[in-house]
Amino acid sequence: QVQLVESGGGLVQAGGSLRLSCAASGRTFSSYAMGWFRQAPGKERGFVAAISWNSGRTYYADSVKGRFTISRDNAKNTVYLQMNSLKPEDTAVYYCAAHLGGSVYSNHDYSYWGQGTQVTVSS
């Protein structure tokens, strides 16, 4: 069992910044990577970014490249998502998730999920 606790969501103006955190506990050794997904009303949950625990290799959706940065602190078992130059279209519920295998881009290949945190960007 892997437990995830998220924090950092909120309301910001377009062009602003926000940092999301996800603290992992439990059997984290069985997790190869951590990812961030987001879901807007009426839309499917989509990939945002992911990072490997061991190598630190990162993956990003085209829509956030150059604006978002994913990082991790292995000693704290914590993953971060720094979001800069936020746009109204970034508004969604953001989820962190633990990846055990398969494609890091697919929500179907993540086994554990946080509760989600709301990010709202006003225009």
C-alpha atoms as a PDB file:
ATOM      1  CA  GLN A   1       0.000   0.000   0.000  1.00  0.00           C
ATOM      2  CA  VAL A   2       1.235   3.464  -0.962  1.00  0.00           C
ATOM      3  CA  GLN A   3      -0.298   6.526   0.660  1.00  0.00           C
ATOM      4  CA  LEU A   4      -0.200   9.960  -0.948  1.00  0.00           C
ATOM      5  CA  VAL A   5      -0.887  13.327   0.669  1.00  0.00           C
ATOM      6  CA  GLU A   6      -1.204  16.403  -1.545  1.00  0.00           C
ATOM      7  CA  SER A   7      -1.028  20.099  -0.748  1.00  0.00           C
ATOM      8  CA  GLY A   8      -0.508  23.474  -2.405  1.00  0.00           C
ATOM      9  CA  GLY A   9      -3.611  24.037  -4.507  1.00  0.00           C
ATOM     10  CA  GLY A  10      -5.382  27.370  -4.595  1.00  0.00           C
ATOM     11  CA  LEU A  11      -6.616  30.362  -6.580  1.00  0.00           C
ATOM     12  CA  VAL A  12      -4.192  32.485  -8.623  1.00  0.00           C
ATOM     13  CA  GLN A  13      -4.354  35.047 -11.410  1.00  0.00           C
ATOM     14  CA  ALA A  14      -3.184  34.261 -14.926  1.00  0.00           C
ATOM     15  CA  GLY A  15       0.594  34.556 -15.111  1.00  0.00           C
ATOM     16  CA  GLY A  16       1.018  33.604 -11.478  1.00  0.00           C
ATOM     17  CA  SER A  17       2.767  30.639  -9.880  1.00  0.00           C
ATOM     18  CA  LEU A  18       1.891  27.794  -7.576  1.00  0.00           C
ATOM     19  CA  ARG A  19       3.805  24.826  -6.137  1.00  0.00           C
ATOM     20  CA  LEU A  20       2.096  21.518  -5.463  1.00  0.00           C
ATOM     21  CA  SER A  21       3.526  18.914  -3.095  1.00  0.00           C
ATOM     22  CA  CYS A  22       2.864  15.196  -2.773  1.00  0.00           C
ATOM     23  CA  ALA A  23       4.231  13.252   0.182  1.00  0.00           C
ATOM     24  CA  ALA A  24       4.430   9.487  -0.293  1.00  0.00           C
ATOM     25  CA  SER A  25       4.543   6.861   2.430  1.00  0.00           C
ATOM     26  CA  GLY A  26       4.207   3.104   2.743  1.00  0.00           C
ATOM     27  CA  ARG A  27       5.757   0.730   0.206  1.00  0.00           C
ATOM     28  CA  THR A  28       7.395   3.436  -1.868  1.00  0.00           C
ATOM     29  CA  PHE A  29      10.209   1.084  -2.898  1.00  0.00           C
ATOM     30  CA  SER A  30       7.758  -0.652  -5.199  1.00  0.00           C
ATOM     31  CA  SER A  31       6.986   2.587  -7.037  1.00  0.00           C
ATOM     32  CA  TYR A  32       9.203   3.296 -10.052  1.00  0.00           C
ATOM     33  CA  ALA A  33       7.962   6.822 -10.645  1.00  0.00           C
ATOM     34  CA  MET A  34       5.521   9.499  -9.562  1.00  0.00           C
ATOM     35  CA  GLY A  35       3.237  11.444 -11.824  1.00  0.00           C
ATOM     36  CA  TRP A  36       0.912  14.430 -11.863  1.00  0.00           C
ATOM     37  CA  PHE A  37      -2.421  14.350 -13.680  1.00  0.00           C
ATOM     38  CA  ARG A  38      -5.222  16.867 -13.944  1.00  0.00           C
ATOM     39  CA  GLN A  39      -8.925  16.735 -14.656  1.00  0.00           C
ATOM     40  CA  ALA A  40     -11.206  19.591 -15.635  1.00  0.00           C
ATOM     41  CA  PRO A  41     -15.022  19.332 -15.492  1.00  0.00           C
ATOM     42  CA  GLY A  42     -16.350  17.169 -18.318  1.00  0.00           C
ATOM     43  CA  LYS A  43     -12.846  16.102 -19.377  1.00  0.00           C
ATOM     44  CA  GLU A  44     -10.841  12.920 -18.965  1.00  0.00           C
ATOM     45  CA  ARG A  45      -7.961  12.803 -16.527  1.00  0.00           C
ATOM     46  CA  GLY A  46      -4.849  13.796 -18.472  1.00  0.00           C
ATOM     47  CA  PHE A  47      -1.097  13.489 -18.000  1.00  0.00           C
ATOM     48  CA  VAL A  48       0.881  16.516 -16.819  1.00  0.00           C
ATOM     49  CA  ALA A  49       4.345  15.352 -15.715  1.00  0.00           C
ATOM     50  CA  ALA A  50       6.224  12.407 -14.208  1.00  0.00           C
ATOM     51  CA  ILE A  51       9.593  11.688 -12.616  1.00  0.00           C
ATOM     52  CA  SER A  52      11.588   8.536 -11.878  1.00  0.00           C
ATOM     53  CA  TRP A  53      12.529   8.008  -8.231  1.00  0.00           C
ATOM     54  CA  ASN A  54      15.986   6.599  -9.015  1.00  0.00           C
ATOM     55  CA  SER A  55      17.258   8.366 -12.135  1.00  0.00           C
ATOM     56  CA  GLY A  56      15.264  11.573 -11.879  1.00  0.00           C
ATOM     57  CA  ARG A  57      14.267  11.335 -15.536  1.00  0.00           C
ATOM     58  CA  THR A  58      11.377  13.656 -16.269  1.00  0.00           C
ATOM     59  CA  TYR A  59       8.438  13.570 -18.652  1.00  0.00           C
ATOM     60  CA  TYR A  60       6.114  16.436 -19.589  1.00  0.00           C
ATOM     61  CA  ALA A  61       2.943  17.023 -21.531  1.00  0.00           C
ATOM     62  CA  ASP A  62       3.496  19.389 -24.466  1.00  0.00           C
ATOM     63  CA  SER A  63       1.002  21.850 -23.002  1.00  0.00           C
ATOM     64  CA  VAL A  64       3.136  22.482 -19.894  1.00  0.00           C
ATOM     65  CA  LYS A  65       6.711  22.237 -21.210  1.00  0.00           C
ATOM     66  CA  GLY A  66       8.720  25.316 -20.298  1.00  0.00           C
ATOM     67  CA  ARG A  67       6.188  26.379 -17.672  1.00  0.00           C
ATOM     68  CA  PHE A  68       5.973  23.470 -15.208  1.00  0.00           C
ATOM     69  CA  THR A  69       8.839  21.691 -13.461  1.00  0.00           C
ATOM     70  CA  ILE A  70       8.570  18.369 -11.647  1.00  0.00           C
ATOM     71  CA  SER A  71      11.138  17.469  -9.002  1.00  0.00           C
ATOM     72  CA  ARG A  72      11.586  15.090  -6.103  1.00  0.00           C
ATOM     73  CA  ASP A  73      13.274  14.904  -2.708  1.00  0.00           C
ATOM     74  CA  ASN A  74      14.041  11.215  -2.190  1.00  0.00           C
ATOM     75  CA  ALA A  75      14.977  11.691   1.474  1.00  0.00           C
ATOM     76  CA  LYS A  76      11.535  13.134   2.159  1.00  0.00           C
ATOM     77  CA  ASN A  77       9.674  10.848  -0.276  1.00  0.00           C
ATOM     78  CA  THR A  78       8.114  13.981  -1.692  1.00  0.00           C
ATOM     79  CA  VAL A  79       7.401  15.083  -5.255  1.00  0.00           C
ATOM     80  CA  TYR A  80       6.790  18.682  -6.304  1.00  0.00           C
ATOM     81  CA  LEU A  81       5.188  20.390  -9.252  1.00  0.00           C
ATOM     82  CA  GLN A  82       6.280  23.999  -9.725  1.00  0.00           C
ATOM     83  CA  MET A  83       3.772  25.744 -11.974  1.00  0.00           C
ATOM     84  CA  ASN A  84       4.728  29.090 -13.521  1.00  0.00           C
ATOM     85  CA  SER A  85       3.040  31.332 -16.089  1.00  0.00           C
ATOM     86  CA  LEU A  86      -0.302  29.793 -15.250  1.00  0.00           C
ATOM     87  CA  LYS A  87      -3.149  30.064 -17.746  1.00  0.00           C
ATOM     88  CA  PRO A  88      -6.924  29.763 -17.271  1.00  0.00           C
ATOM     89  CA  GLU A  89      -6.808  26.472 -19.192  1.00  0.00           C
ATOM     90  CA  ASP A  90      -4.631  25.049 -16.406  1.00  0.00           C
ATOM     91  CA  THR A  91      -7.666  25.157 -14.118  1.00  0.00           C
ATOM     92  CA  ALA A  92      -8.385  21.614 -12.926  1.00  0.00           C
ATOM     93  CA  VAL A  93      -8.167  19.215 -10.027  1.00  0.00           C
ATOM     94  CA  TYR A  94      -4.558  18.023  -9.830  1.00  0.00           C
ATOM     95  CA  TYR A  95      -3.724  14.500  -8.673  1.00  0.00           C
ATOM     96  CA  CYS A  96      -0.435  12.846  -7.798  1.00  0.00           C
ATOM     97  CA  ALA A  97      -0.076   9.121  -8.422  1.00  0.00           C
ATOM     98  CA  ALA A  98       2.355   6.244  -7.958  1.00  0.00           C
ATOM     99  CA  HIS A  99       3.544   4.363 -11.053  1.00  0.00           C
ATOM    100  CA  LEU A 100       4.502   0.685 -10.793  1.00  0.00           C
ATOM    101  CA  GLY A 101       4.927  -0.177 -14.451  1.00  0.00           C
ATOM    102  CA  GLY A 102       3.680   0.402 -17.965  1.00  0.00           C
ATOM    103  CA  SER A 103       3.435   3.827 -19.579  1.00  0.00           C
ATOM    104  CA  VAL A 104       4.087   6.887 -17.420  1.00  0.00           C
ATOM    105  CA  TYR A 105       1.747   8.821 -19.724  1.00  0.00           C
ATOM    106  CA  SER A 106      -1.318   6.674 -19.028  1.00  0.00           C
ATOM    107  CA  ASN A 107      -3.502   7.161 -15.968  1.00  0.00           C
ATOM    108  CA  HIS A 108      -4.517   3.508 -16.319  1.00  0.00           C
ATOM    109  CA  ASP A 109      -0.962   2.422 -15.414  1.00  0.00           C
ATOM    110  CA  TYR A 110      -0.873   4.147 -12.020  1.00  0.00           C
ATOM    111  CA  SER A 111      -1.874   2.121  -8.974  1.00  0.00           C
ATOM    112  CA  TYR A 112      -2.255   4.679  -6.181  1.00  0.00           C
ATOM    113  CA  TRP A 113      -3.740   8.161  -6.192  1.00  0.00           C
ATOM    114  CA  GLY A 114      -4.001  11.147  -3.906  1.00  0.00           C
ATOM    115  CA  GLN A 115      -7.314  12.860  -3.218  1.00  0.00           C
ATOM    116  CA  GLY A 116      -6.594  15.740  -5.562  1.00  0.00           C
ATOM    117  CA  THR A 117      -6.158  19.459  -5.016  1.00  0.00           C
ATOM    118  CA  GLN A 118      -8.023  22.235  -6.827  1.00  0.00           C
ATOM    119  CA  VAL A 119      -6.064  24.723  -8.922  1.00  0.00           C
ATOM    120  CA  THR A 120      -8.040  27.679 -10.259  1.00  0.00           C
ATOM    121  CA  VAL A 121      -6.499  30.288 -12.559  1.00  0.00           C
ATOM    122  CA  SER A 122      -8.528  33.452 -13.121  1.00  0.00           C
ATOM    123  CA  SER A 123      -8.285  35.498 -16.318  1.00  0.00           C
END
